[in-house]
Amino acid sequence: MVPAVQQELDARPQLRSVLLCGVETQACILQTALDLLDRGLQVHVVVDACTSRSQVDRLVALSRLRQSGAFLSTSEGLIFQLVGDATHPQFKEIQKLVKEPSPDSGLLGLFQDQNPLFR
């Protein structure tokens, strides 16, 4: 985990969970998530906001993250989880952000029975 992230975490001892997204899922995201899990934090990886140069590296890293105890979620799912429900004051504005279908991210196979990484 990079020192700047570690300093932020040390400054927030009440923190219980973290959302992760970024590039090189098999390196930066994976290592940071494992460090955060070792600290006892819940880790939510935003799968459609994580990339790798190769799809194989991305999928294997996501599989390892899941096996290690990280929660795999989508950006839309996490947005609505953070908002709570339709009583949120900005619910209508937030809903507009996710109304249009997003392009295929290549992750659907992660959650289908044919993927040997998730059996």
PDB file of N, CA and C in Angstrom:
ATOM      1  N   MET A   1       0.855  -1.163   0.000  1.00  0.00           N
ATOM      2  CA  MET A   1       0.000   0.000   0.000  1.00  0.00           C
ATOM      3  C   MET A   1       0.902   1.228   0.000  1.00  0.00           C
ATOM      4  N   VAL A   2       0.560   2.203  -0.795  1.00  0.00           N
ATOM      5  CA  VAL A   2       1.406   3.394  -0.883  1.00  0.00           C
ATOM      6  C   VAL A   2       1.353   4.182   0.422  1.00  0.00           C
ATOM      7  N   PRO A   3       2.457   4.829   0.781  1.00  0.00           N
ATOM      8  CA  PRO A   3       2.512   5.557   2.060  1.00  0.00           C
ATOM      9  C   PRO A   3       1.411   6.611   2.226  1.00  0.00           C
ATOM     10  N   ALA A   4       1.037   7.282   1.151  1.00  0.00           N
ATOM     11  CA  ALA A   4      -0.011   8.309   1.271  1.00  0.00           C
ATOM     12  C   ALA A   4      -1.335   7.696   1.710  1.00  0.00           C
ATOM     13  N   VAL A   5      -1.656   6.522   1.196  1.00  0.00           N
ATOM     14  CA  VAL A   5      -2.897   5.842   1.590  1.00  0.00           C
ATOM     15  C   VAL A   5      -2.786   5.397   3.045  1.00  0.00           C
ATOM     16  N   GLN A   6      -1.641   4.881   3.404  1.00  0.00           N
ATOM     17  CA  GLN A   6      -1.443   4.441   4.786  1.00  0.00           C
ATOM     18  C   GLN A   6      -1.587   5.606   5.762  1.00  0.00           C
ATOM     19  N   GLN A   7      -1.067   6.771   5.417  1.00  0.00           N
ATOM     20  CA  GLN A   7      -1.205   7.957   6.272  1.00  0.00           C
ATOM     21  C   GLN A   7      -2.670   8.360   6.415  1.00  0.00           C
ATOM     22  N   GLU A   8      -3.413   8.310   5.317  1.00  0.00           N
ATOM     23  CA  GLU A   8      -4.837   8.639   5.374  1.00  0.00           C
ATOM     24  C   GLU A   8      -5.586   7.679   6.279  1.00  0.00           C
ATOM     25  N   LEU A   9      -5.273   6.398   6.173  1.00  0.00           N
ATOM     26  CA  LEU A   9      -5.928   5.394   7.017  1.00  0.00           C
ATOM     27  C   LEU A   9      -5.580   5.597   8.487  1.00  0.00           C
ATOM     28  N   ASP A  10      -4.329   5.888   8.769  1.00  0.00           N
ATOM     29  CA  ASP A  10      -3.911   6.117  10.151  1.00  0.00           C
ATOM     30  C   ASP A  10      -4.621   7.329  10.749  1.00  0.00           C
ATOM     31  N   ALA A  11      -4.953   8.304   9.913  1.00  0.00           N
ATOM     32  CA  ALA A  11      -5.642   9.509  10.378  1.00  0.00           C
ATOM     33  C   ALA A  11      -7.139   9.275  10.588  1.00  0.00           C
ATOM     34  N   ARG A  12      -7.640   8.108  10.151  1.00  0.00           N
ATOM     35  CA  ARG A  12      -9.068   7.787  10.262  1.00  0.00           C
ATOM     36  C   ARG A  12      -9.270   6.428  10.932  1.00  0.00           C
ATOM     37  N   PRO A  13      -8.996   6.327  12.212  1.00  0.00           N
ATOM     38  CA  PRO A  13      -9.107   5.024  12.883  1.00  0.00           C
ATOM     39  C   PRO A  13     -10.539   4.480  12.921  1.00  0.00           C
ATOM     40  N   GLN A  14     -11.536   5.337  12.715  1.00  0.00           N
ATOM     41  CA  GLN A  14     -12.932   4.890  12.731  1.00  0.00           C
ATOM     42  C   GLN A  14     -13.348   4.243  11.400  1.00  0.00           C
ATOM     43  N   LEU A  15     -12.521   4.337  10.393  1.00  0.00           N
ATOM     44  CA  LEU A  15     -12.832   3.808   9.065  1.00  0.00           C
ATOM     45  C   LEU A  15     -13.011   2.297   9.124  1.00  0.00           C
ATOM     46  N   ARG A  16     -14.074   1.806   8.487  1.00  0.00           N
ATOM     47  CA  ARG A  16     -14.358   0.373   8.505  1.00  0.00           C
ATOM     48  C   ARG A  16     -14.311  -0.265   7.118  1.00  0.00           C
ATOM     49  N   SER A  17     -14.548   0.532   6.075  1.00  0.00           N
ATOM     50  CA  SER A  17     -14.541  -0.030   4.731  1.00  0.00           C
ATOM     51  C   SER A  17     -13.955   0.963   3.739  1.00  0.00           C
ATOM     52  N   VAL A  18     -13.469   0.391   2.629  1.00  0.00           N
ATOM     53  CA  VAL A  18     -12.795   1.174   1.596  1.00  0.00           C
ATOM     54  C   VAL A  18     -13.295   0.708   0.238  1.00  0.00           C
ATOM     55  N   LEU A  19     -13.472   1.657  -0.688  1.00  0.00           N
ATOM     56  CA  LEU A  19     -13.785   1.351  -2.083  1.00  0.00           C
ATOM     57  C   LEU A  19     -12.507   1.502  -2.881  1.00  0.00           C
ATOM     58  N   LEU A  20     -12.199   0.522  -3.712  1.00  0.00           N
ATOM     59  CA  LEU A  20     -10.996   0.594  -4.542  1.00  0.00           C
ATOM     60  C   LEU A  20     -11.345   0.543  -6.017  1.00  0.00           C
ATOM     61  N   CYS A  21     -10.660   1.363  -6.791  1.00  0.00           N
ATOM     62  CA  CYS A  21     -10.733   1.307  -8.239  1.00  0.00           C
ATOM     63  C   CYS A  21      -9.425   1.844  -8.784  1.00  0.00           C
ATOM     64  N   GLY A  22      -9.099   1.507 -10.017  1.00  0.00           N
ATOM     65  CA  GLY A  22      -7.869   2.013 -10.601  1.00  0.00           C
ATOM     66  C   GLY A  22      -7.332   1.108 -11.681  1.00  0.00           C
ATOM     67  N   VAL A  23      -6.049   1.312 -11.966  1.00  0.00           N
ATOM     68  CA  VAL A  23      -5.414   0.566 -13.053  1.00  0.00           C
ATOM     69  C   VAL A  23      -4.517  -0.526 -12.492  1.00  0.00           C
ATOM     70  N   GLU A  24      -4.234  -1.469 -13.357  1.00  0.00           N
ATOM     71  CA  GLU A  24      -3.404  -2.632 -13.038  1.00  0.00           C
ATOM     72  C   GLU A  24      -3.942  -3.393 -11.831  1.00  0.00           C
ATOM     73  N   THR A  25      -5.117  -3.962 -12.043  1.00  0.00           N
ATOM     74  CA  THR A  25      -5.806  -4.723 -11.002  1.00  0.00           C
ATOM     75  C   THR A  25      -4.905  -5.795 -10.406  1.00  0.00           C
ATOM     76  N   GLN A  26      -4.103  -6.448 -11.242  1.00  0.00           N
ATOM     77  CA  GLN A  26      -3.246  -7.553 -10.780  1.00  0.00           C
ATOM     78  C   GLN A  26      -2.076  -7.072  -9.944  1.00  0.00           C
ATOM     79  N   ALA A  27      -1.811  -5.794  -9.893  1.00  0.00           N
ATOM     80  CA  ALA A  27      -0.683  -5.277  -9.117  1.00  0.00           C
ATOM     81  C   ALA A  27      -1.181  -4.309  -8.046  1.00  0.00           C
ATOM     82  N   CYS A  28      -1.446  -3.090  -8.442  1.00  0.00           N
ATOM     83  CA  CYS A  28      -1.785  -2.029  -7.482  1.00  0.00           C
ATOM     84  C   CYS A  28      -3.054  -2.329  -6.687  1.00  0.00           C
ATOM     85  N   ILE A  29      -4.117  -2.668  -7.365  1.00  0.00           N
ATOM     86  CA  ILE A  29      -5.393  -2.918  -6.680  1.00  0.00           C
ATOM     87  C   ILE A  29      -5.269  -4.145  -5.786  1.00  0.00           C
ATOM     88  N   LEU A  30      -4.705  -5.219  -6.318  1.00  0.00           N
ATOM     89  CA  LEU A  30      -4.580  -6.456  -5.546  1.00  0.00           C
ATOM     90  C   LEU A  30      -3.737  -6.248  -4.292  1.00  0.00           C
ATOM     91  N   GLN A  31      -2.561  -5.673  -4.431  1.00  0.00           N
ATOM     92  CA  GLN A  31      -1.692  -5.495  -3.273  1.00  0.00           C
ATOM     93  C   GLN A  31      -2.284  -4.544  -2.241  1.00  0.00           C
ATOM     94  N   THR A  32      -2.900  -3.468  -2.711  1.00  0.00           N
ATOM     95  CA  THR A  32      -3.537  -2.528  -1.785  1.00  0.00           C
ATOM     96  C   THR A  32      -4.687  -3.204  -1.053  1.00  0.00           C
ATOM     97  N   ALA A  33      -5.506  -3.945  -1.792  1.00  0.00           N
ATOM     98  CA  ALA A  33      -6.638  -4.637  -1.160  1.00  0.00           C
ATOM     99  C   ALA A  33      -6.160  -5.635  -0.121  1.00  0.00           C
ATOM    100  N   LEU A  34      -5.120  -6.394  -0.423  1.00  0.00           N
ATOM    101  CA  LEU A  34      -4.611  -7.371   0.538  1.00  0.00           C
ATOM    102  C   LEU A  34      -4.088  -6.673   1.794  1.00  0.00           C
ATOM    103  N   ASP A  35      -3.407  -5.549   1.613  1.00  0.00           N
ATOM    104  CA  ASP A  35      -2.940  -4.776   2.772  1.00  0.00           C
ATOM    105  C   ASP A  35      -4.112  -4.268   3.611  1.00  0.00           C
ATOM    106  N   LEU A  36      -5.147  -3.785   2.940  1.00  0.00           N
ATOM    107  CA  LEU A  36      -6.324  -3.265   3.657  1.00  0.00           C
ATOM    108  C   LEU A  36      -7.051  -4.378   4.396  1.00  0.00           C
ATOM    109  N   LEU A  37      -7.175  -5.537   3.759  1.00  0.00           N
ATOM    110  CA  LEU A  37      -7.810  -6.681   4.414  1.00  0.00           C
ATOM    111  C   LEU A  37      -7.003  -7.097   5.643  1.00  0.00           C
ATOM    112  N   ASP A  38      -5.680  -7.068   5.530  1.00  0.00           N
ATOM    113  CA  ASP A  38      -4.823  -7.396   6.684  1.00  0.00           C
ATOM    114  C   ASP A  38      -5.031  -6.421   7.835  1.00  0.00           C
ATOM    115  N   ARG A  39      -5.437  -5.199   7.523  1.00  0.00           N
ATOM    116  CA  ARG A  39      -5.715  -4.199   8.564  1.00  0.00           C
ATOM    117  C   ARG A  39      -7.107  -4.377   9.161  1.00  0.00           C
ATOM    118  N   GLY A  40      -7.865  -5.348   8.642  1.00  0.00           N
ATOM    119  CA  GLY A  40      -9.196  -5.621   9.171  1.00  0.00           C
ATOM    120  C   GLY A  40     -10.299  -4.781   8.542  1.00  0.00           C
ATOM    121  N   LEU A  41     -10.002  -4.131   7.429  1.00  0.00           N
ATOM    122  CA  LEU A  41     -11.017  -3.312   6.772  1.00  0.00           C
ATOM    123  C   LEU A  41     -11.807  -4.138   5.762  1.00  0.00           C
ATOM    124  N   GLN A  42     -13.063  -3.747   5.558  1.00  0.00           N
ATOM    125  CA  GLN A  42     -13.845  -4.308   4.457  1.00  0.00           C
ATOM    126  C   GLN A  42     -13.360  -3.623   3.189  1.00  0.00           C
ATOM    127  N   VAL A  43     -13.131  -4.407   2.150  1.00  0.00           N
ATOM    128  CA  VAL A  43     -12.668  -3.861   0.877  1.00  0.00           C
ATOM    129  C   VAL A  43     -13.710  -4.155  -0.183  1.00  0.00           C
ATOM    130  N   HIS A  44     -14.158  -3.104  -0.841  1.00  0.00           N
ATOM    131  CA  HIS A  44     -15.112  -3.204  -1.950  1.00  0.00           C
ATOM    132  C   HIS A  44     -14.373  -2.785  -3.217  1.00  0.00           C
ATOM    133  N   VAL A  45     -14.214  -3.721  -4.141  1.00  0.00           N
ATOM    134  CA  VAL A  45     -13.528  -3.437  -5.397  1.00  0.00           C
ATOM    135  C   VAL A  45     -14.587  -3.137  -6.450  1.00  0.00           C
ATOM    136  N   VAL A  46     -14.474  -1.974  -7.062  1.00  0.00           N
ATOM    137  CA  VAL A  46     -15.416  -1.535  -8.093  1.00  0.00           C
ATOM    138  C   VAL A  46     -14.931  -2.134  -9.417  1.00  0.00           C
ATOM    139  N   VAL A  47     -15.453  -3.311  -9.757  1.00  0.00           N
ATOM    140  CA  VAL A  47     -14.887  -4.100 -10.853  1.00  0.00           C
ATOM    141  C   VAL A  47     -14.952  -3.394 -12.202  1.00  0.00           C
ATOM    142  N   ASP A  48     -16.001  -2.614 -12.441  1.00  0.00           N
ATOM    143  CA  ASP A  48     -16.087  -1.925 -13.728  1.00  0.00           C
ATOM    144  C   ASP A  48     -15.313  -0.609 -13.732  1.00  0.00           C
ATOM    145  N   ALA A  49     -14.570  -0.350 -12.671  1.00  0.00           N
ATOM    146  CA  ALA A  49     -13.690   0.819 -12.600  1.00  0.00           C
ATOM    147  C   ALA A  49     -12.252   0.388 -12.332  1.00  0.00           C
ATOM    148  N   CYS A  50     -11.948  -0.871 -12.645  1.00  0.00           N
ATOM    149  CA  CYS A  50     -10.590  -1.409 -12.516  1.00  0.00           C
ATOM    150  C   CYS A  50     -10.184  -1.997 -13.865  1.00  0.00           C
ATOM    151  N   THR A  51      -8.949  -1.787 -14.225  1.00  0.00           N
ATOM    152  CA  THR A  51      -8.471  -2.310 -15.501  1.00  0.00           C
ATOM    153  C   THR A  51      -7.130  -3.000 -15.319  1.00  0.00           C
ATOM    154  N   SER A  52      -6.731  -3.674 -16.364  1.00  0.00           N
ATOM    155  CA  SER A  52      -5.396  -4.249 -16.495  1.00  0.00           C
ATOM    156  C   SER A  52      -5.057  -4.212 -17.971  1.00  0.00           C
ATOM    157  N   ARG A  53      -3.786  -4.326 -18.276  1.00  0.00           N
ATOM    158  CA  ARG A  53      -3.410  -4.358 -19.691  1.00  0.00           C
ATOM    159  C   ARG A  53      -3.949  -5.607 -20.359  1.00  0.00           C
ATOM    160  N   SER A  54      -4.093  -6.690 -19.598  1.00  0.00           N
ATOM    161  CA  SER A  54      -4.648  -7.920 -20.165  1.00  0.00           C
ATOM    162  C   SER A  54      -5.892  -8.328 -19.393  1.00  0.00           C
ATOM    163  N   GLN A  55      -6.870  -8.818 -20.121  1.00  0.00           N
ATOM    164  CA  GLN A  55      -8.121  -9.260 -19.503  1.00  0.00           C
ATOM    165  C   GLN A  55      -7.875 -10.460 -18.594  1.00  0.00           C
ATOM    166  N   VAL A  56      -6.932 -11.325 -18.952  1.00  0.00           N
ATOM    167  CA  VAL A  56      -6.620 -12.488 -18.114  1.00  0.00           C
ATOM    168  C   VAL A  56      -6.085 -12.021 -16.760  1.00  0.00           C
ATOM    169  N   ASP A  57      -5.141 -11.081 -16.762  1.00  0.00           N
ATOM    170  CA  ASP A  57      -4.615 -10.562 -15.493  1.00  0.00           C
ATOM    171  C   ASP A  57      -5.727  -9.963 -14.651  1.00  0.00           C
ATOM    172  N   ARG A  58      -6.606  -9.221 -15.284  1.00  0.00           N
ATOM    173  CA  ARG A  58      -7.728  -8.577 -14.576  1.00  0.00           C
ATOM    174  C   ARG A  58      -8.627  -9.626 -13.934  1.00  0.00           C
ATOM    175  N   LEU A  59      -9.021 -10.631 -14.707  1.00  0.00           N
ATOM    176  CA  LEU A  59      -9.942 -11.644 -14.194  1.00  0.00           C
ATOM    177  C   LEU A  59      -9.312 -12.490 -13.097  1.00  0.00           C
ATOM    178  N   VAL A  60      -8.057 -12.864 -13.259  1.00  0.00           N
ATOM    179  CA  VAL A  60      -7.381 -13.658 -12.228  1.00  0.00           C
ATOM    180  C   VAL A  60      -7.231 -12.837 -10.954  1.00  0.00           C
ATOM    181  N   ALA A  61      -6.880 -11.560 -11.090  1.00  0.00           N
ATOM    182  CA  ALA A  61      -6.750 -10.691  -9.908  1.00  0.00           C
ATOM    183  C   ALA A  61      -8.091 -10.540  -9.200  1.00  0.00           C
ATOM    184  N   LEU A  62      -9.167 -10.360  -9.948  1.00  0.00           N
ATOM    185  CA  LEU A  62     -10.488 -10.240  -9.322  1.00  0.00           C
ATOM    186  C   LEU A  62     -10.877 -11.533  -8.616  1.00  0.00           C
ATOM    187  N   SER A  63     -10.521 -12.657  -9.206  1.00  0.00           N
ATOM    188  CA  SER A  63     -10.785 -13.939  -8.562  1.00  0.00           C
ATOM    189  C   SER A  63     -10.026 -14.040  -7.247  1.00  0.00           C
ATOM    190  N   ARG A  64      -8.767 -13.665  -7.268  1.00  0.00           N
ATOM    191  CA  ARG A  64      -7.966 -13.718  -6.039  1.00  0.00           C
ATOM    192  C   ARG A  64      -8.506 -12.762  -4.984  1.00  0.00           C
ATOM    193  N   LEU A  65      -8.917 -11.583  -5.410  1.00  0.00           N
ATOM    194  CA  LEU A  65      -9.491 -10.624  -4.469  1.00  0.00           C
ATOM    195  C   LEU A  65     -10.729 -11.198  -3.793  1.00  0.00           C
ATOM    196  N   ARG A  66     -11.574 -11.808  -4.588  1.00  0.00           N
ATOM    197  CA  ARG A  66     -12.802 -12.414  -4.042  1.00  0.00           C
ATOM    198  C   ARG A  66     -12.461 -13.534  -3.067  1.00  0.00           C
ATOM    199  N   GLN A  67     -11.495 -14.385  -3.441  1.00  0.00           N
ATOM    200  CA  GLN A  67     -11.074 -15.482  -2.569  1.00  0.00           C
ATOM    201  C   GLN A  67     -10.459 -14.968  -1.272  1.00  0.00           C
ATOM    202  N   SER A  68      -9.873 -13.799  -1.320  1.00  0.00           N
ATOM    203  CA  SER A  68      -9.206 -13.209  -0.152  1.00  0.00           C
ATOM    204  C   SER A  68     -10.157 -12.456   0.766  1.00  0.00           C
ATOM    205  N   GLY A  69     -11.407 -12.291   0.334  1.00  0.00           N
ATOM    206  CA  GLY A  69     -12.390 -11.654   1.199  1.00  0.00           C
ATOM    207  C   GLY A  69     -12.862 -10.283   0.768  1.00  0.00           C
ATOM    208  N   ALA A  70     -12.395  -9.808  -0.368  1.00  0.00           N
ATOM    209  CA  ALA A  70     -12.882  -8.520  -0.871  1.00  0.00           C
ATOM    210  C   ALA A  70     -14.259  -8.716  -1.500  1.00  0.00           C
ATOM    211  N   PHE A  71     -15.065  -7.682  -1.427  1.00  0.00           N
ATOM    212  CA  PHE A  71     -16.375  -7.686  -2.075  1.00  0.00           C
ATOM    213  C   PHE A  71     -16.219  -7.112  -3.473  1.00  0.00           C
ATOM    214  N   LEU A  72     -16.735  -7.813  -4.479  1.00  0.00           N
ATOM    215  CA  LEU A  72     -16.709  -7.325  -5.845  1.00  0.00           C
ATOM    216  C   LEU A  72     -18.060  -6.690  -6.141  1.00  0.00           C
ATOM    217  N   SER A  73     -18.029  -5.434  -6.545  1.00  0.00           N
ATOM    218  CA  SER A  73     -19.258  -4.690  -6.804  1.00  0.00           C
ATOM    219  C   SER A  73     -19.098  -3.878  -8.077  1.00  0.00           C
ATOM    220  N   THR A  74     -20.211  -3.377  -8.578  1.00  0.00           N
ATOM    221  CA  THR A  74     -20.175  -2.474  -9.730  1.00  0.00           C
ATOM    222  C   THR A  74     -20.334  -1.036  -9.256  1.00  0.00           C
ATOM    223  N   SER A  75     -19.952  -0.118 -10.101  1.00  0.00           N
ATOM    224  CA  SER A  75     -20.073   1.298  -9.738  1.00  0.00           C
ATOM    225  C   SER A  75     -21.530   1.662  -9.473  1.00  0.00           C
ATOM    226  N   GLU A  76     -22.422   1.206 -10.323  1.00  0.00           N
ATOM    227  CA  GLU A  76     -23.837   1.536 -10.115  1.00  0.00           C
ATOM    228  C   GLU A  76     -24.357   0.937  -8.813  1.00  0.00           C
ATOM    229  N   GLY A  77     -24.019  -0.301  -8.552  1.00  0.00           N
ATOM    230  CA  GLY A  77     -24.462  -0.927  -7.309  1.00  0.00           C
ATOM    231  C   GLY A  77     -23.970  -0.185  -6.082  1.00  0.00           C
ATOM    232  N   LEU A  78     -22.712   0.220  -6.105  1.00  0.00           N
ATOM    233  CA  LEU A  78     -22.161   0.948  -4.960  1.00  0.00           C
ATOM    234  C   LEU A  78     -22.744   2.353  -4.833  1.00  0.00           C
ATOM    235  N   ILE A  79     -22.998   2.995  -5.956  1.00  0.00           N
ATOM    236  CA  ILE A  79     -23.619   4.328  -5.905  1.00  0.00           C
ATOM    237  C   ILE A  79     -24.950   4.243  -5.180  1.00  0.00           C
ATOM    238  N   PHE A  80     -25.778   3.286  -5.566  1.00  0.00           N
ATOM    239  CA  PHE A  80     -27.090   3.176  -4.929  1.00  0.00           C
ATOM    240  C   PHE A  80     -26.990   2.677  -3.489  1.00  0.00           C
ATOM    241  N   GLN A  81     -25.986   1.885  -3.193  1.00  0.00           N
ATOM    242  CA  GLN A  81     -25.785   1.456  -1.807  1.00  0.00           C
ATOM    243  C   GLN A  81     -25.425   2.653  -0.938  1.00  0.00           C
ATOM    244  N   LEU A  82     -24.581   3.537  -1.455  1.00  0.00           N
ATOM    245  CA  LEU A  82     -24.192   4.729  -0.696  1.00  0.00           C
ATOM    246  C   LEU A  82     -25.347   5.717  -0.554  1.00  0.00           C
ATOM    247  N   VAL A  83     -26.178   5.828  -1.586  1.00  0.00           N
ATOM    248  CA  VAL A  83     -27.322   6.739  -1.540  1.00  0.00           C
ATOM    249  C   VAL A  83     -28.382   6.239  -0.568  1.00  0.00           C
ATOM    250  N   GLY A  84     -28.546   4.934  -0.520  1.00  0.00           N
ATOM    251  CA  GLY A  84     -29.527   4.351   0.396  1.00  0.00           C
ATOM    252  C   GLY A  84     -30.841   4.052  -0.287  1.00  0.00           C
ATOM    253  N   ASP A  85     -31.641   5.087  -0.495  1.00  0.00           N
ATOM    254  CA  ASP A  85     -32.925   4.887  -1.156  1.00  0.00           C
ATOM    255  C   ASP A  85     -33.414   6.199  -1.760  1.00  0.00           C
ATOM    256  N   ALA A  86     -34.633   6.173  -2.280  1.00  0.00           N
ATOM    257  CA  ALA A  86     -35.185   7.324  -3.000  1.00  0.00           C
ATOM    258  C   ALA A  86     -35.440   8.535  -2.106  1.00  0.00           C
ATOM    259  N   THR A  87     -35.312   8.384  -0.805  1.00  0.00           N
ATOM    260  CA  THR A  87     -35.519   9.541   0.077  1.00  0.00           C
ATOM    261  C   THR A  87     -34.280  10.432   0.165  1.00  0.00           C
ATOM    262  N   HIS A  88     -33.163   9.981  -0.398  1.00  0.00           N
ATOM    263  CA  HIS A  88     -31.948  10.802  -0.408  1.00  0.00           C
ATOM    264  C   HIS A  88     -32.232  12.094  -1.178  1.00  0.00           C
ATOM    265  N   PRO A  89     -31.812  13.248  -0.665  1.00  0.00           N
ATOM    266  CA  PRO A  89     -32.131  14.533  -1.305  1.00  0.00           C
ATOM    267  C   PRO A  89     -31.652  14.654  -2.756  1.00  0.00           C
ATOM    268  N   GLN A  90     -30.580  13.990  -3.118  1.00  0.00           N
ATOM    269  CA  GLN A  90     -30.084  14.066  -4.497  1.00  0.00           C
ATOM    270  C   GLN A  90     -30.369  12.804  -5.315  1.00  0.00           C
ATOM    271  N   PHE A  91     -31.310  11.996  -4.867  1.00  0.00           N
ATOM    272  CA  PHE A  91     -31.567  10.720  -5.535  1.00  0.00           C
ATOM    273  C   PHE A  91     -31.867  10.897  -7.022  1.00  0.00           C
ATOM    274  N   LYS A  92     -32.726  11.833  -7.390  1.00  0.00           N
ATOM    275  CA  LYS A  92     -33.111  12.016  -8.804  1.00  0.00           C
ATOM    276  C   LYS A  92     -31.900  12.400  -9.655  1.00  0.00           C
ATOM    277  N   GLU A  93     -31.051  13.281  -9.144  1.00  0.00           N
ATOM    278  CA  GLU A  93     -29.864  13.688  -9.898  1.00  0.00           C
ATOM    279  C   GLU A  93     -28.897  12.523 -10.058  1.00  0.00           C
ATOM    280  N   ILE A  94     -28.729  11.749  -9.000  1.00  0.00           N
ATOM    281  CA  ILE A  94     -27.827  10.597  -9.053  1.00  0.00           C
ATOM    282  C   ILE A  94     -28.385   9.537  -9.986  1.00  0.00           C
ATOM    283  N   GLN A  95     -29.673   9.339  -9.955  1.00  0.00           N
ATOM    284  CA  GLN A  95     -30.316   8.349 -10.819  1.00  0.00           C
ATOM    285  C   GLN A  95     -30.072   8.676 -12.294  1.00  0.00           C
ATOM    286  N   LYS A  96     -30.061   9.959 -12.636  1.00  0.00           N
ATOM    287  CA  LYS A  96     -29.804  10.362 -14.020  1.00  0.00           C
ATOM    288  C   LYS A  96     -28.415   9.946 -14.483  1.00  0.00           C
ATOM    289  N   LEU A  97     -27.458   9.908 -13.567  1.00  0.00           N
ATOM    290  CA  LEU A  97     -26.080   9.545 -13.918  1.00  0.00           C
ATOM    291  C   LEU A  97     -25.958   8.099 -14.378  1.00  0.00           C
ATOM    292  N   VAL A  98     -26.812   7.236 -13.885  1.00  0.00           N
ATOM    293  CA  VAL A  98     -26.680   5.815 -14.185  1.00  0.00           C
ATOM    294  C   VAL A  98     -27.816   5.272 -15.046  1.00  0.00           C
ATOM    295  N   LYS A  99     -28.679   6.141 -15.531  1.00  0.00           N
ATOM    296  CA  LYS A  99     -29.834   5.685 -16.298  1.00  0.00           C
ATOM    297  C   LYS A  99     -29.453   5.054 -17.633  1.00  0.00           C
ATOM    298  N   GLU A 100     -28.463   5.609 -18.305  1.00  0.00           N
ATOM    299  CA  GLU A 100     -28.042   5.059 -19.592  1.00  0.00           C
ATOM    300  C   GLU A 100     -27.245   3.777 -19.362  1.00  0.00           C
ATOM    301  N   PRO A 101     -27.521   2.735 -20.145  1.00  0.00           N
ATOM    302  CA  PRO A 101     -26.750   1.499 -19.972  1.00  0.00           C
ATOM    303  C   PRO A 101     -25.276   1.744 -20.305  1.00  0.00           C
ATOM    304  N   SER A 102     -24.415   1.129 -19.527  1.00  0.00           N
ATOM    305  CA  SER A 102     -22.985   1.284 -19.780  1.00  0.00           C
ATOM    306  C   SER A 102     -22.527   0.228 -20.774  1.00  0.00           C
ATOM    307  N   PRO A 103     -21.412   0.485 -21.443  1.00  0.00           N
ATOM    308  CA  PRO A 103     -20.906  -0.510 -22.398  1.00  0.00           C
ATOM    309  C   PRO A 103     -20.436  -1.764 -21.677  1.00  0.00           C
ATOM    310  N   ASP A 104     -20.387  -2.869 -22.409  1.00  0.00           N
ATOM    311  CA  ASP A 104     -19.933  -4.136 -21.843  1.00  0.00           C
ATOM    312  C   ASP A 104     -18.492  -3.990 -21.373  1.00  0.00           C
ATOM    313  N   SER A 105     -18.247  -4.365 -20.142  1.00  0.00           N
ATOM    314  CA  SER A 105     -16.910  -4.232 -19.560  1.00  0.00           C
ATOM    315  C   SER A 105     -16.106  -5.521 -19.651  1.00  0.00           C
ATOM    316  N   GLY A 106     -16.693  -6.566 -20.232  1.00  0.00           N
ATOM    317  CA  GLY A 106     -15.994  -7.840 -20.333  1.00  0.00           C
ATOM    318  C   GLY A 106     -16.004  -8.650 -19.052  1.00  0.00           C
ATOM    319  N   LEU A 107     -16.849  -8.276 -18.099  1.00  0.00           N
ATOM    320  CA  LEU A 107     -16.846  -8.944 -16.798  1.00  0.00           C
ATOM    321  C   LEU A 107     -18.002  -9.914 -16.601  1.00  0.00           C
ATOM    322  N   LEU A 108     -18.923  -9.970 -17.529  1.00  0.00           N
ATOM    323  CA  LEU A 108     -20.088 -10.829 -17.338  1.00  0.00           C
ATOM    324  C   LEU A 108     -19.685 -12.276 -17.084  1.00  0.00           C
ATOM    325  N   GLY A 109     -18.659 -12.747 -17.768  1.00  0.00           N
ATOM    326  CA  GLY A 109     -18.199 -14.118 -17.586  1.00  0.00           C
ATOM    327  C   GLY A 109     -17.720 -14.430 -16.178  1.00  0.00           C
ATOM    328  N   LEU A 110     -17.406 -13.410 -15.400  1.00  0.00           N
ATOM    329  CA  LEU A 110     -16.977 -13.632 -14.023  1.00  0.00           C
ATOM    330  C   LEU A 110     -18.036 -14.338 -13.205  1.00  0.00           C
ATOM    331  N   PHE A 111     -19.259 -14.049 -13.496  1.00  0.00           N
ATOM    332  CA  PHE A 111     -20.351 -14.499 -12.634  1.00  0.00           C
ATOM    333  C   PHE A 111     -21.190 -15.592 -13.271  1.00  0.00           C
ATOM    334  N   GLN A 112     -20.703 -16.175 -14.351  1.00  0.00           N
ATOM    335  CA  GLN A 112     -21.399 -17.275 -14.994  1.00  0.00           C
ATOM    336  C   GLN A 112     -20.715 -18.573 -14.604  1.00  0.00           C
ATOM    337  N   ASP A 113     -21.480 -19.631 -14.548  1.00  0.00           N
ATOM    338  CA  ASP A 113     -20.965 -20.925 -14.087  1.00  0.00           C
ATOM    339  C   ASP A 113     -19.803 -21.445 -14.922  1.00  0.00           C
ATOM    340  N   GLN A 114     -19.681 -20.989 -16.160  1.00  0.00           N
ATOM    341  CA  GLN A 114     -18.624 -21.523 -17.002  1.00  0.00           C
ATOM    342  C   GLN A 114     -17.231 -21.011 -16.653  1.00  0.00           C
ATOM    343  N   ASN A 115     -17.120 -20.022 -15.792  1.00  0.00           N
ATOM    344  CA  ASN A 115     -15.823 -19.457 -15.460  1.00  0.00           C
ATOM    345  C   ASN A 115     -15.146 -20.306 -14.392  1.00  0.00           C
ATOM    346  N   PRO A 116     -14.062 -21.005 -14.738  1.00  0.00           N
ATOM    347  CA  PRO A 116     -13.416 -21.888 -13.771  1.00  0.00           C
ATOM    348  C   PRO A 116     -12.779 -21.136 -12.599  1.00  0.00           C
ATOM    349  N   LEU A 117     -12.537 -19.850 -12.753  1.00  0.00           N
ATOM    350  CA  LEU A 117     -11.916 -19.091 -11.673  1.00  0.00           C
ATOM    351  C   LEU A 117     -12.846 -18.916 -10.474  1.00  0.00           C
ATOM    352  N   PHE A 118     -14.142 -19.051 -10.691  1.00  0.00           N
ATOM    353  CA  PHE A 118     -15.101 -18.782  -9.618  1.00  0.00           C
ATOM    354  C   PHE A 118     -15.889 -19.999  -9.196  1.00  0.00           C
ATOM    355  N   ARG A 119     -15.407 -21.165  -9.491  1.00  0.00           N
ATOM    356  CA  ARG A 119     -16.093 -22.386  -9.046  1.00  0.00           C
ATOM    357  C   ARG A 119     -15.663 -22.753  -7.664  1.00  0.00           C
TER     358      ARG A 119
END
